[in-house]
Amino acid sequence: MIKKTLYFGNPVYLSLRNAQLVIKLPEIEKNDILPENFKQQSEITKPVEDIGIVVLDNKQITITSGVLEALLENNSAVITCDSKSMPVGLMLPLYGNTTQNERFRQQLDASVPLKKQLWQQTIKSKIDNQASVLEKCTAEEVKCMRIWANDVKSGDPDNLEARAAAYYWKGLFANVKGFTREREGISPNNLLNYGYAILRAIVARGLVTSGLLPTLGIHHHNRYNAYCLADDIMEPYRPYVDELVFGLVQLHGSNLELTKEIKACLLTIPTLEVKIGGKRSPLMVAVGQTTASLYKCFDGELRRISYPER
């Protein structure tokens, strides 16, 4: 079953009752004019076990420790946003698997050659998916990208990822004047940043659920980054976010702000349809298959990570 993503952009009280998330609006709670039965009817409950991601995007949200405990016990990810509504914090469970210690050890003991081979698979999949998005969205020539994908060597020593990215971004948003892909760049960089933050949370959650440390990457190793492995494994999934943002630009123009409507579209990322293992699946479910296969690679049961194909 696909887990739900809950977004809270207004002041709200979040509490726990009988394993249910209780959602109350303070404006209604404090309004003495409204009848008591109306106040009770305005209360909404959601089963905690059905929730995969919670996004907190308002400084006046009140959430109890009981809610946080229940969410984390059910392997949910909790995202907090800054004053610009950009995701700034991520809370994940410490223990997401019954054989956690054993899995940590296998991840820690992974050899350098194995990690380089896994990175090779990751970048090949990413470039192939980028090529498919570019071809679908713009009808651009992608033969060179297919060649680069096939030429990726163990560890990507030739940095074909960067070469493909330069070609990809130049073509995907060619109609957006002055666009370059950079975190503080012009729109739609803001939409891409937001979408990637949601994707990162989904992947980090999947890694924890599979009993892996999201901090220890197979390629990324920035000592200030707590989610290096999540940043590695999300790479082949980024093109799905890119395609979604491309569609929003086509509909609304390039000078987009992160309005509630735009964020609502970006929060559909967990339910985007992807193809993995020859079958259609929601992105969040596919990520779980990817992270499970990654553990099996560390364990020696598999030699390849299961990534989505476009």
C-alpha atoms as a PDB file:
ATOM      1  CA  MET A   1       0.000   0.000   0.000  1.00  0.00           C
ATOM      2  CA  ILE A   2       1.289   3.467  -0.884  1.00  0.00           C
ATOM      3  CA  LYS A   3       1.828   5.589   2.207  1.00  0.00           C
ATOM      4  CA  LYS A   4       0.206   9.026   2.372  1.00  0.00           C
ATOM      5  CA  THR A   5       2.021  12.367   2.291  1.00  0.00           C
ATOM      6  CA  LEU A   6       0.511  14.995   4.598  1.00  0.00           C
ATOM      7  CA  TYR A   7       1.307  18.686   4.123  1.00  0.00           C
ATOM      8  CA  PHE A   8       0.506  21.323   6.753  1.00  0.00           C
ATOM      9  CA  GLY A   9       0.896  24.935   5.603  1.00  0.00           C
ATOM     10  CA  ASN A  10      -1.385  26.638   8.158  1.00  0.00           C
ATOM     11  CA  PRO A  11      -1.432  26.818  11.972  1.00  0.00           C
ATOM     12  CA  VAL A  12      -2.615  23.444  13.258  1.00  0.00           C
ATOM     13  CA  TYR A  13      -2.650  21.272  16.389  1.00  0.00           C
ATOM     14  CA  LEU A  14      -1.364  17.731  15.837  1.00  0.00           C
ATOM     15  CA  SER A  15      -1.924  15.219  18.614  1.00  0.00           C
ATOM     16  CA  LEU A  16      -2.358  11.464  19.064  1.00  0.00           C
ATOM     17  CA  ARG A  17      -5.379   9.465  20.099  1.00  0.00           C
ATOM     18  CA  ASN A  18      -5.786   5.676  19.762  1.00  0.00           C
ATOM     19  CA  ALA A  19      -2.982   5.397  17.166  1.00  0.00           C
ATOM     20  CA  GLN A  20      -4.705   8.118  15.133  1.00  0.00           C
ATOM     21  CA  LEU A  21      -3.218  11.465  14.155  1.00  0.00           C
ATOM     22  CA  VAL A  22      -5.695  14.099  15.357  1.00  0.00           C
ATOM     23  CA  ILE A  23      -5.716  17.325  13.320  1.00  0.00           C
ATOM     24  CA  LYS A  24      -7.329  20.452  14.772  1.00  0.00           C
ATOM     25  CA  LEU A  25      -7.354  24.036  13.514  1.00  0.00           C
ATOM     26  CA  PRO A  26      -6.624  26.571  16.310  1.00  0.00           C
ATOM     27  CA  GLU A  27      -8.836  29.220  14.693  1.00  0.00           C
ATOM     28  CA  ILE A  28     -11.838  26.946  15.204  1.00  0.00           C
ATOM     29  CA  GLU A  29     -10.713  25.741  18.648  1.00  0.00           C
ATOM     30  CA  LYS A  30     -10.480  29.306  20.003  1.00  0.00           C
ATOM     31  CA  ASN A  31     -13.668  30.590  18.383  1.00  0.00           C
ATOM     32  CA  ASP A  32     -16.255  30.899  21.189  1.00  0.00           C
ATOM     33  CA  ILE A  33     -19.053  31.771  18.776  1.00  0.00           C
ATOM     34  CA  LEU A  34     -19.056  28.430  16.995  1.00  0.00           C
ATOM     35  CA  PRO A  35     -21.183  25.650  18.546  1.00  0.00           C
ATOM     36  CA  GLU A  36     -19.358  22.756  20.249  1.00  0.00           C
ATOM     37  CA  ASN A  37     -20.702  20.116  17.859  1.00  0.00           C
ATOM     38  CA  PHE A  38     -19.263  22.084  14.912  1.00  0.00           C
ATOM     39  CA  LYS A  39     -15.863  22.148  16.607  1.00  0.00           C
ATOM     40  CA  GLN A  40     -15.988  18.378  17.066  1.00  0.00           C
ATOM     41  CA  GLN A  41     -16.960  17.832  13.425  1.00  0.00           C
ATOM     42  CA  SER A  42     -14.042  19.979  12.285  1.00  0.00           C
ATOM     43  CA  GLU A  43     -11.589  17.544  13.886  1.00  0.00           C
ATOM     44  CA  ILE A  44      -9.894  15.215  11.392  1.00  0.00           C
ATOM     45  CA  THR A  45      -8.142  11.939  12.172  1.00  0.00           C
ATOM     46  CA  LYS A  46      -5.708   9.886  10.096  1.00  0.00           C
ATOM     47  CA  PRO A  47      -4.307   6.413  10.913  1.00  0.00           C
ATOM     48  CA  VAL A  48      -0.609   6.864  11.706  1.00  0.00           C
ATOM     49  CA  GLU A  49       0.237   3.541  10.041  1.00  0.00           C
ATOM     50  CA  ASP A  50      -0.950   4.976   6.685  1.00  0.00           C
ATOM     51  CA  ILE A  51       1.413   7.981   6.780  1.00  0.00           C
ATOM     52  CA  GLY A  52       4.760   7.936   4.976  1.00  0.00           C
ATOM     53  CA  ILE A  53       5.784  11.607   4.968  1.00  0.00           C
ATOM     54  CA  VAL A  54       4.676  14.653   6.960  1.00  0.00           C
ATOM     55  CA  VAL A  55       5.641  18.171   5.806  1.00  0.00           C
ATOM     56  CA  LEU A  56       5.468  20.926   8.444  1.00  0.00           C
ATOM     57  CA  ASP A  57       5.436  24.321   6.710  1.00  0.00           C
ATOM     58  CA  ASN A  58       4.252  26.853   9.271  1.00  0.00           C
ATOM     59  CA  LYS A  59       5.871  28.322  12.384  1.00  0.00           C
ATOM     60  CA  GLN A  60       2.603  28.055  14.333  1.00  0.00           C
ATOM     61  CA  ILE A  61       2.207  24.297  14.070  1.00  0.00           C
ATOM     62  CA  THR A  62       1.955  22.529  17.418  1.00  0.00           C
ATOM     63  CA  ILE A  63       2.897  18.834  17.387  1.00  0.00           C
ATOM     64  CA  THR A  64       3.098  16.582  20.432  1.00  0.00           C
ATOM     65  CA  SER A  65       6.001  14.278  21.225  1.00  0.00           C
ATOM     66  CA  GLY A  66       3.491  11.431  21.134  1.00  0.00           C
ATOM     67  CA  VAL A  67       2.786  12.150  17.463  1.00  0.00           C
ATOM     68  CA  LEU A  68       6.490  12.249  16.631  1.00  0.00           C
ATOM     69  CA  GLU A  69       7.068   8.979  18.475  1.00  0.00           C
ATOM     70  CA  ALA A  70       4.204   7.255  16.678  1.00  0.00           C
ATOM     71  CA  LEU A  71       5.284   8.545  13.262  1.00  0.00           C
ATOM     72  CA  LEU A  72       8.893   7.424  13.737  1.00  0.00           C
ATOM     73  CA  GLU A  73       7.840   4.027  15.093  1.00  0.00           C
ATOM     74  CA  ASN A  74       5.894   3.579  11.847  1.00  0.00           C
ATOM     75  CA  ASN A  75       8.937   4.518   9.699  1.00  0.00           C
ATOM     76  CA  SER A  76       7.514   7.887   8.665  1.00  0.00           C
ATOM     77  CA  ALA A  77       9.699  10.827   7.629  1.00  0.00           C
ATOM     78  CA  VAL A  78       8.992  14.266   9.111  1.00  0.00           C
ATOM     79  CA  ILE A  79      10.127  17.298   7.079  1.00  0.00           C
ATOM     80  CA  THR A  80      10.304  20.801   8.534  1.00  0.00           C
ATOM     81  CA  CYS A  81      10.447  23.934   6.365  1.00  0.00           C
ATOM     82  CA  ASP A  82      12.102  27.333   6.813  1.00  0.00           C
ATOM     83  CA  SER A  83      10.568  30.812   6.480  1.00  0.00           C
ATOM     84  CA  LYS A  84      10.816  30.522   2.683  1.00  0.00           C
ATOM     85  CA  SER A  85       8.832  27.244   2.746  1.00  0.00           C
ATOM     86  CA  MET A  86      11.899  25.265   1.673  1.00  0.00           C
ATOM     87  CA  PRO A  87      12.545  21.921   3.420  1.00  0.00           C
ATOM     88  CA  VAL A  88      15.286  22.509   5.990  1.00  0.00           C
ATOM     89  CA  GLY A  89      15.092  19.537   8.383  1.00  0.00           C
ATOM     90  CA  LEU A  90      14.401  15.805   8.201  1.00  0.00           C
ATOM     91  CA  MET A  91      13.546  13.474  11.072  1.00  0.00           C
ATOM     92  CA  LEU A  92      13.853   9.710  10.561  1.00  0.00           C
ATOM     93  CA  PRO A  93      13.589   6.667  12.864  1.00  0.00           C
ATOM     94  CA  LEU A  94      16.829   5.427  14.438  1.00  0.00           C
ATOM     95  CA  TYR A  95      15.823   1.815  13.905  1.00  0.00           C
ATOM     96  CA  GLY A  96      13.945   0.731  10.815  1.00  0.00           C
ATOM     97  CA  ASN A  97      14.783  -2.960  10.595  1.00  0.00           C
ATOM     98  CA  THR A  98      14.937  -5.946  12.939  1.00  0.00           C
ATOM     99  CA  THR A  99      18.487  -6.916  11.846  1.00  0.00           C
ATOM    100  CA  GLN A 100      19.804  -3.359  12.004  1.00  0.00           C
ATOM    101  CA  ASN A 101      23.234  -4.075  13.522  1.00  0.00           C
ATOM    102  CA  GLU A 102      24.014  -6.848  11.040  1.00  0.00           C
ATOM    103  CA  ARG A 103      23.026  -4.666   8.106  1.00  0.00           C
ATOM    104  CA  PHE A 104      25.103  -1.746   9.362  1.00  0.00           C
ATOM    105  CA  ARG A 105      28.143  -4.015   9.541  1.00  0.00           C
ATOM    106  CA  GLN A 106      27.670  -5.276   5.991  1.00  0.00           C
ATOM    107  CA  GLN A 107      27.296  -1.713   4.733  1.00  0.00           C
ATOM    108  CA  LEU A 108      30.403  -0.608   6.643  1.00  0.00           C
ATOM    109  CA  ASP A 109      32.398  -3.583   5.322  1.00  0.00           C
ATOM    110  CA  ALA A 110      31.511  -2.954   1.667  1.00  0.00           C
ATOM    111  CA  SER A 111      34.677  -2.931  -0.442  1.00  0.00           C
ATOM    112  CA  VAL A 112      35.803   0.035  -2.526  1.00  0.00           C
ATOM    113  CA  PRO A 113      35.493  -1.966  -5.810  1.00  0.00           C
ATOM    114  CA  LEU A 114      31.894  -2.890  -4.911  1.00  0.00           C
ATOM    115  CA  LYS A 115      30.975   0.734  -4.160  1.00  0.00           C
ATOM    116  CA  LYS A 116      32.550   1.862  -7.440  1.00  0.00           C
ATOM    117  CA  GLN A 117      30.542  -0.746  -9.357  1.00  0.00           C
ATOM    118  CA  LEU A 118      27.344   0.356  -7.622  1.00  0.00           C
ATOM    119  CA  TRP A 119      28.110   3.981  -8.488  1.00  0.00           C
ATOM    120  CA  GLN A 120      28.678   2.954 -12.121  1.00  0.00           C
ATOM    121  CA  GLN A 121      25.208   1.354 -12.176  1.00  0.00           C
ATOM    122  CA  THR A 122      23.702   4.424 -10.527  1.00  0.00           C
ATOM    123  CA  ILE A 123      25.141   6.924 -13.011  1.00  0.00           C
ATOM    124  CA  LYS A 124      24.316   4.764 -16.032  1.00  0.00           C
ATOM    125  CA  SER A 125      20.699   4.562 -14.860  1.00  0.00           C
ATOM    126  CA  LYS A 126      20.580   8.308 -14.167  1.00  0.00           C
ATOM    127  CA  ILE A 127      21.895   9.279 -17.615  1.00  0.00           C
ATOM    128  CA  ASP A 128      19.563   6.828 -19.355  1.00  0.00           C
ATOM    129  CA  ASN A 129      16.576   8.258 -17.470  1.00  0.00           C
ATOM    130  CA  GLN A 130      17.692  11.823 -18.216  1.00  0.00           C
ATOM    131  CA  ALA A 131      17.933  10.947 -21.901  1.00  0.00           C
ATOM    132  CA  SER A 132      14.403   9.536 -21.887  1.00  0.00           C
ATOM    133  CA  VAL A 133      12.995  12.655 -20.203  1.00  0.00           C
ATOM    134  CA  LEU A 134      14.827  14.975 -22.584  1.00  0.00           C
ATOM    135  CA  GLU A 135      13.601  13.031 -25.601  1.00  0.00           C
ATOM    136  CA  LYS A 136      10.008  12.928 -24.354  1.00  0.00           C
ATOM    137  CA  CYS A 137       9.794  16.572 -23.258  1.00  0.00           C
ATOM    138  CA  THR A 138      11.726  18.335 -26.026  1.00  0.00           C
ATOM    139  CA  ALA A 139      12.350  15.807 -28.821  1.00  0.00           C
ATOM    140  CA  GLU A 140      16.054  16.666 -28.469  1.00  0.00           C
ATOM    141  CA  GLU A 141      18.685  14.337 -29.930  1.00  0.00           C
ATOM    142  CA  VAL A 142      19.812  12.010 -27.125  1.00  0.00           C
ATOM    143  CA  LYS A 143      22.076   9.579 -28.974  1.00  0.00           C
ATOM    144  CA  CYS A 144      25.163  11.100 -27.318  1.00  0.00           C
ATOM    145  CA  MET A 145      23.613  10.606 -23.871  1.00  0.00           C
ATOM    146  CA  ARG A 146      22.913   6.939 -24.589  1.00  0.00           C
ATOM    147  CA  ILE A 147      26.556   6.546 -25.623  1.00  0.00           C
ATOM    148  CA  TRP A 148      27.746   8.279 -22.445  1.00  0.00           C
ATOM    149  CA  ALA A 149      25.511   6.021 -20.336  1.00  0.00           C
ATOM    150  CA  ASN A 150      27.000   2.904 -21.929  1.00  0.00           C
ATOM    151  CA  ASP A 151      30.535   4.273 -21.521  1.00  0.00           C
ATOM    152  CA  VAL A 152      30.332   4.840 -17.758  1.00  0.00           C
ATOM    153  CA  LYS A 153      33.139   2.906 -16.087  1.00  0.00           C
ATOM    154  CA  SER A 154      33.457   1.664 -12.522  1.00  0.00           C
ATOM    155  CA  GLY A 155      33.407   4.720 -10.259  1.00  0.00           C
ATOM    156  CA  ASP A 156      32.753   7.030 -13.260  1.00  0.00           C
ATOM    157  CA  PRO A 157      36.394   8.239 -13.442  1.00  0.00           C
ATOM    158  CA  ASP A 158      35.666  10.193 -16.642  1.00  0.00           C
ATOM    159  CA  ASN A 159      32.872  12.125 -14.876  1.00  0.00           C
ATOM    160  CA  LEU A 160      30.372  11.355 -17.623  1.00  0.00           C
ATOM    161  CA  GLU A 161      27.665  12.294 -15.124  1.00  0.00           C
ATOM    162  CA  ALA A 162      28.729  15.951 -15.376  1.00  0.00           C
ATOM    163  CA  ARG A 163      29.032  15.871 -19.156  1.00  0.00           C
ATOM    164  CA  ALA A 164      25.553  14.398 -19.513  1.00  0.00           C
ATOM    165  CA  ALA A 165      24.123  16.891 -16.991  1.00  0.00           C
ATOM    166  CA  ALA A 166      25.473  19.889 -18.925  1.00  0.00           C
ATOM    167  CA  TYR A 167      23.869  18.645 -22.151  1.00  0.00           C
ATOM    168  CA  TYR A 168      20.647  17.666 -20.380  1.00  0.00           C
ATOM    169  CA  TRP A 169      19.997  20.962 -18.583  1.00  0.00           C
ATOM    170  CA  LYS A 170      20.886  23.011 -21.633  1.00  0.00           C
ATOM    171  CA  GLY A 171      18.212  21.182 -23.607  1.00  0.00           C
ATOM    172  CA  LEU A 172      15.465  20.605 -21.027  1.00  0.00           C
ATOM    173  CA  PHE A 173      14.845  24.257 -20.166  1.00  0.00           C
ATOM    174  CA  ALA A 174      16.210  25.807 -23.358  1.00  0.00           C
ATOM    175  CA  ASN A 175      13.139  28.078 -23.529  1.00  0.00           C
ATOM    176  CA  VAL A 176      13.821  29.581 -20.098  1.00  0.00           C
ATOM    177  CA  LYS A 177      16.065  32.583 -20.704  1.00  0.00           C
ATOM    178  CA  GLY A 178      19.204  32.563 -18.558  1.00  0.00           C
ATOM    179  CA  PHE A 179      18.489  29.199 -16.944  1.00  0.00           C
ATOM    180  CA  THR A 180      21.345  27.186 -15.480  1.00  0.00           C
ATOM    181  CA  ARG A 181      20.911  24.447 -12.928  1.00  0.00           C
ATOM    182  CA  GLU A 182      22.112  25.874  -9.614  1.00  0.00           C
ATOM    183  CA  ARG A 183      20.581  25.933  -6.162  1.00  0.00           C
ATOM    184  CA  GLU A 184      20.214  29.714  -5.934  1.00  0.00           C
ATOM    185  CA  GLY A 185      19.439  30.191  -9.629  1.00  0.00           C
ATOM    186  CA  ILE A 186      16.331  31.575 -11.290  1.00  0.00           C
ATOM    187  CA  SER A 187      13.038  29.704 -11.476  1.00  0.00           C
ATOM    188  CA  PRO A 188      12.373  26.809 -11.966  1.00  0.00           C
ATOM    189  CA  ASN A 189      15.413  26.034  -9.793  1.00  0.00           C
ATOM    190  CA  ASN A 190      13.218  26.696  -6.748  1.00  0.00           C
ATOM    191  CA  LEU A 191      10.771  24.007  -7.883  1.00  0.00           C
ATOM    192  CA  LEU A 192      13.580  21.554  -8.573  1.00  0.00           C
ATOM    193  CA  ASN A 193      15.080  22.227  -5.128  1.00  0.00           C
ATOM    194  CA  TYR A 194      11.739  21.592  -3.438  1.00  0.00           C
ATOM    195  CA  GLY A 195      11.062  18.448  -5.447  1.00  0.00           C
ATOM    196  CA  TYR A 196      14.518  17.041  -4.766  1.00  0.00           C
ATOM    197  CA  ALA A 197      14.086  17.681  -1.035  1.00  0.00           C
ATOM    198  CA  ILE A 198      10.896  15.627  -1.044  1.00  0.00           C
ATOM    199  CA  LEU A 199      12.616  12.913  -3.098  1.00  0.00           C
ATOM    200  CA  ARG A 200      15.577  12.912  -0.710  1.00  0.00           C
ATOM    201  CA  ALA A 201      13.249  12.317   2.240  1.00  0.00           C
ATOM    202  CA  ILE A 202      11.552   9.428   0.423  1.00  0.00           C
ATOM    203  CA  VAL A 203      14.904   7.785  -0.332  1.00  0.00           C
ATOM    204  CA  ALA A 204      16.287   8.380   3.176  1.00  0.00           C
ATOM    205  CA  ARG A 205      13.145   6.804   4.622  1.00  0.00           C
ATOM    206  CA  GLY A 206      13.539   3.809   2.304  1.00  0.00           C
ATOM    207  CA  LEU A 207      17.176   3.340   3.331  1.00  0.00           C
ATOM    208  CA  VAL A 208      16.328   3.388   7.043  1.00  0.00           C
ATOM    209  CA  THR A 209      13.460   0.960   6.460  1.00  0.00           C
ATOM    210  CA  SER A 210      15.919  -1.359   4.685  1.00  0.00           C
ATOM    211  CA  GLY A 211      18.229  -1.206   7.693  1.00  0.00           C
ATOM    212  CA  LEU A 212      20.915   0.978   6.112  1.00  0.00           C
ATOM    213  CA  LEU A 213      22.721   4.105   7.286  1.00  0.00           C
ATOM    214  CA  PRO A 214      21.707   7.014   5.019  1.00  0.00           C
ATOM    215  CA  THR A 215      24.869   8.875   6.101  1.00  0.00           C
ATOM    216  CA  LEU A 216      27.459   6.513   4.568  1.00  0.00           C
ATOM    217  CA  GLY A 217      27.443   6.944   0.798  1.00  0.00           C
ATOM    218  CA  ILE A 218      28.832   4.798  -1.990  1.00  0.00           C
ATOM    219  CA  HIS A 219      30.132   7.951  -3.689  1.00  0.00           C
ATOM    220  CA  HIS A 220      29.109  11.154  -1.883  1.00  0.00           C
ATOM    221  CA  HIS A 221      31.243  11.628   1.222  1.00  0.00           C
ATOM    222  CA  ASN A 222      30.881  15.246   2.362  1.00  0.00           C
ATOM    223  CA  ARG A 223      31.540  15.147   6.103  1.00  0.00           C
ATOM    224  CA  TYR A 224      28.876  17.814   6.688  1.00  0.00           C
ATOM    225  CA  ASN A 225      26.189  15.814   4.855  1.00  0.00           C
ATOM    226  CA  ALA A 226      24.071  13.484   6.991  1.00  0.00           C
ATOM    227  CA  TYR A 227      22.420  11.878   3.953  1.00  0.00           C
ATOM    228  CA  CYS A 228      25.226  10.975   1.560  1.00  0.00           C
ATOM    229  CA  LEU A 229      23.773   7.559   0.693  1.00  0.00           C
ATOM    230  CA  ALA A 230      20.331   9.085   0.079  1.00  0.00           C
ATOM    231  CA  ASP A 231      21.950  11.583  -2.300  1.00  0.00           C
ATOM    232  CA  ASP A 232      23.626   8.686  -4.126  1.00  0.00           C
ATOM    233  CA  ILE A 233      20.585   6.467  -4.500  1.00  0.00           C
ATOM    234  CA  MET A 234      18.174   9.250  -5.486  1.00  0.00           C
ATOM    235  CA  GLU A 235      20.191  10.120  -8.618  1.00  0.00           C
ATOM    236  CA  PRO A 236      18.270   7.888 -11.090  1.00  0.00           C
ATOM    237  CA  TYR A 237      14.986   9.170  -9.620  1.00  0.00           C
ATOM    238  CA  ARG A 238      15.768  12.865 -10.165  1.00  0.00           C
ATOM    239  CA  PRO A 239      14.569  12.833 -13.819  1.00  0.00           C
ATOM    240  CA  TYR A 240      11.039  12.020 -12.606  1.00  0.00           C
ATOM    241  CA  VAL A 241      11.076  15.257 -10.611  1.00  0.00           C
ATOM    242  CA  ASP A 242      12.558  17.098 -13.611  1.00  0.00           C
ATOM    243  CA  GLU A 243       9.729  15.903 -15.855  1.00  0.00           C
ATOM    244  CA  LEU A 244       7.110  16.997 -13.331  1.00  0.00           C
ATOM    245  CA  VAL A 245       8.695  20.472 -13.067  1.00  0.00           C
ATOM    246  CA  PHE A 246       8.962  20.707 -16.865  1.00  0.00           C
ATOM    247  CA  GLY A 247       5.215  20.081 -17.090  1.00  0.00           C
ATOM    248  CA  LEU A 248       4.502  22.837 -14.557  1.00  0.00           C
ATOM    249  CA  VAL A 249       6.659  25.280 -16.540  1.00  0.00           C
ATOM    250  CA  GLN A 250       4.791  24.371 -19.725  1.00  0.00           C
ATOM    251  CA  LEU A 251       1.460  25.029 -18.025  1.00  0.00           C
ATOM    252  CA  HIS A 252       2.237  28.147 -15.989  1.00  0.00           C
ATOM    253  CA  GLY A 253       5.367  29.718 -17.462  1.00  0.00           C
ATOM    254  CA  SER A 254       8.916  29.796 -16.150  1.00  0.00           C
ATOM    255  CA  ASN A 255       8.671  32.531 -13.504  1.00  0.00           C
ATOM    256  CA  LEU A 256       7.059  30.320 -10.887  1.00  0.00           C
ATOM    257  CA  GLU A 257       6.768  30.836  -7.141  1.00  0.00           C
ATOM    258  CA  LEU A 258       6.263  28.037  -4.638  1.00  0.00           C
ATOM    259  CA  THR A 259       2.555  28.650  -4.144  1.00  0.00           C
ATOM    260  CA  LYS A 260       0.340  26.156  -2.348  1.00  0.00           C
ATOM    261  CA  GLU A 261      -0.930  24.921  -5.692  1.00  0.00           C
ATOM    262  CA  ILE A 262       2.580  24.334  -7.031  1.00  0.00           C
ATOM    263  CA  LYS A 263       3.671  22.626  -3.812  1.00  0.00           C
ATOM    264  CA  ALA A 264       0.580  20.418  -3.976  1.00  0.00           C
ATOM    265  CA  CYS A 265       1.725  19.237  -7.414  1.00  0.00           C
ATOM    266  CA  LEU A 266       5.268  18.597  -6.178  1.00  0.00           C
ATOM    267  CA  LEU A 267       3.943  16.645  -3.201  1.00  0.00           C
ATOM    268  CA  THR A 268       2.583  14.048  -5.651  1.00  0.00           C
ATOM    269  CA  ILE A 269       6.170  12.850  -6.184  1.00  0.00           C
ATOM    270  CA  PRO A 270       5.724   9.774  -3.911  1.00  0.00           C
ATOM    271  CA  THR A 271       2.832   8.606  -6.095  1.00  0.00           C
ATOM    272  CA  LEU A 272       4.406   9.230  -9.517  1.00  0.00           C
ATOM    273  CA  GLU A 273       4.240   6.114 -11.668  1.00  0.00           C
ATOM    274  CA  VAL A 274       7.602   4.540 -12.450  1.00  0.00           C
ATOM    275  CA  LYS A 275       8.646   1.325 -14.147  1.00  0.00           C
ATOM    276  CA  ILE A 276      10.894  -0.965 -12.139  1.00  0.00           C
ATOM    277  CA  GLY A 277      11.584  -4.636 -12.696  1.00  0.00           C
ATOM    278  CA  GLY A 278       9.306  -4.574 -15.726  1.00  0.00           C
ATOM    279  CA  LYS A 279       6.278  -3.477 -13.652  1.00  0.00           C
ATOM    280  CA  ARG A 280       4.538  -0.153 -12.992  1.00  0.00           C
ATOM    281  CA  SER A 281       4.759   1.071  -9.435  1.00  0.00           C
ATOM    282  CA  PRO A 282       4.338   4.272  -7.346  1.00  0.00           C
ATOM    283  CA  LEU A 283       7.699   5.974  -6.858  1.00  0.00           C
ATOM    284  CA  MET A 284       7.721   5.477  -3.092  1.00  0.00           C
ATOM    285  CA  VAL A 285       7.171   1.740  -3.489  1.00  0.00           C
ATOM    286  CA  ALA A 286       9.872   1.580  -6.175  1.00  0.00           C
ATOM    287  CA  VAL A 287      12.326   3.334  -3.856  1.00  0.00           C
ATOM    288  CA  GLY A 288      11.699   0.598  -1.289  1.00  0.00           C
ATOM    289  CA  GLN A 289      12.614  -2.009  -3.915  1.00  0.00           C
ATOM    290  CA  THR A 290      15.767  -0.054  -4.767  1.00  0.00           C
ATOM    291  CA  THR A 291      16.942   0.236  -1.172  1.00  0.00           C
ATOM    292  CA  ALA A 292      16.150  -3.429  -0.478  1.00  0.00           C
ATOM    293  CA  SER A 293      18.226  -4.440  -3.511  1.00  0.00           C
ATOM    294  CA  LEU A 294      21.073  -2.193  -2.338  1.00  0.00           C
ATOM    295  CA  TYR A 295      21.215  -4.083   0.952  1.00  0.00           C
ATOM    296  CA  LYS A 296      21.313  -7.365  -0.961  1.00  0.00           C
ATOM    297  CA  CYS A 297      24.286  -6.024  -2.911  1.00  0.00           C
ATOM    298  CA  PHE A 298      26.092  -5.284   0.363  1.00  0.00           C
ATOM    299  CA  ASP A 299      25.073  -8.751   1.578  1.00  0.00           C
ATOM    300  CA  GLY A 300      26.424 -10.436  -1.578  1.00  0.00           C
ATOM    301  CA  GLU A 301      23.029 -11.802  -2.609  1.00  0.00           C
ATOM    302  CA  LEU A 302      22.777  -9.491  -5.652  1.00  0.00           C
ATOM    303  CA  ARG A 303      25.265  -7.783  -7.964  1.00  0.00           C
ATOM    304  CA  ARG A 304      22.986  -5.039  -9.284  1.00  0.00           C
ATOM    305  CA  ILE A 305      20.794  -2.374  -7.713  1.00  0.00           C
ATOM    306  CA  SER A 306      17.201  -2.373  -8.916  1.00  0.00           C
ATOM    307  CA  TYR A 307      16.601   1.073 -10.429  1.00  0.00           C
ATOM    308  CA  PRO A 308      13.607   2.482 -12.345  1.00  0.00           C
ATOM    309  CA  GLU A 309      13.641   2.569 -16.125  1.00  0.00           C
ATOM    310  CA  ARG A 310      11.859   5.102 -18.263  1.00  0.00           C
END
